[in-house]
Amino acid sequence: MTADQLGHVQRQLDHLAAQTSEYLQAQHDRPSALLAQQQEIKRQMDEHRQYLEEQYRLLRTAEEAVGL
């Protein structure tokens, strides 16, 4: 192999190594991103549940005030 051919092969290997590294990093990051998304959805659901509970308490108080 000539020096040019060796250089070309080395560049291809470097490029492949970079792509592999990016792929592996993406595979590592995916579960973390999903966990963060799941935690945010849970937080929003908890917030919404608290809001609905408060609305229910207000409705019950209003019903009691008018004798229902």
Protein backbone atom coordinates (compact mmCIF):
# COMPACT_ATOMS: atom_id res chain seq x y z
CA MET A 1 0.00 0.00 0.00
CA THR A 2 1.16 3.48 -0.75
CA ALA A 3 1.33 6.27 1.79
CA ASP A 4 -1.70 7.90 0.16
CA GLN A 5 -3.70 4.70 0.43
CA LEU A 6 -2.67 4.24 4.06
CA GLY A 7 -3.67 7.83 4.79
CA HIS A 8 -7.03 7.25 3.13
CA VAL A 9 -7.63 4.08 5.16
CA GLN A 10 -6.63 5.91 8.35
CA ARG A 11 -9.09 8.72 7.60
CA GLN A 12 -11.84 6.17 6.99
CA LEU A 13 -11.05 4.44 10.29
CA ASP A 14 -11.03 7.76 12.13
CA HIS A 15 -14.39 8.66 10.61
CA LEU A 16 -15.85 5.26 11.53
CA ALA A 17 -14.52 5.58 15.08
CA ALA A 18 -16.14 9.01 15.43
CA GLN A 19 -19.47 7.70 14.14
CA THR A 20 -19.30 4.73 16.50
CA SER A 21 -18.55 7.01 19.43
CA GLU A 22 -21.50 9.27 18.54
CA TYR A 23 -23.79 6.25 18.18
CA LEU A 24 -22.74 4.81 21.54
CA GLN A 25 -23.20 8.20 23.22
CA ALA A 26 -26.70 8.49 21.74
CA GLN A 27 -27.56 5.00 23.01
CA HIS A 28 -26.32 6.00 26.45
CA ASP A 29 -28.22 9.31 26.47
CA ARG A 30 -31.56 7.89 25.30
CA PRO A 31 -32.58 6.22 28.61
CA SER A 32 -31.58 9.35 30.52
CA ALA A 33 -33.72 11.50 28.26
CA LEU A 34 -36.66 9.11 28.58
CA LEU A 35 -36.33 9.08 32.36
CA ALA A 36 -36.29 12.88 32.48
CA GLN A 37 -39.36 13.00 30.23
CA GLN A 38 -41.15 10.44 32.41
CA GLN A 39 -40.33 12.41 35.57
CA GLU A 40 -41.65 15.62 33.99
CA ILE A 41 -44.90 13.91 32.95
CA LYS A 42 -45.30 12.55 36.50
CA ARG A 43 -44.70 16.01 37.94
CA GLN A 44 -47.32 17.51 35.63
CA MET A 45 -49.82 14.76 36.50
CA ASP A 46 -49.26 15.32 40.22
CA GLU A 47 -49.75 19.05 39.75
CA HIS A 48 -52.95 18.46 37.80
CA ARG A 49 -54.23 16.00 40.43
CA GLN A 50 -53.62 18.58 43.17
CA TYR A 51 -55.49 21.19 41.13
CA LEU A 52 -58.46 18.84 40.64
CA GLU A 53 -58.50 17.93 44.33
CA GLU A 54 -58.61 21.63 45.23
CA GLN A 55 -61.42 22.25 42.74
CA TYR A 56 -63.35 19.33 44.24
CA ARG A 57 -62.89 20.73 47.77
CA LEU A 58 -64.14 24.14 46.61
CA LEU A 59 -67.17 22.54 44.95
CA ARG A 60 -68.00 20.54 48.09
CA THR A 61 -67.69 23.69 50.22
CA ALA A 62 -70.01 25.58 47.85
CA GLU A 63 -72.52 22.71 47.86
CA GLU A 64 -72.53 22.63 51.66
CA ALA A 65 -73.02 26.41 51.78
CA VAL A 66 -76.19 26.18 49.67
CA GLY A 67 -77.42 23.04 51.43
CA LEU A 68 -76.80 20.36 48.79
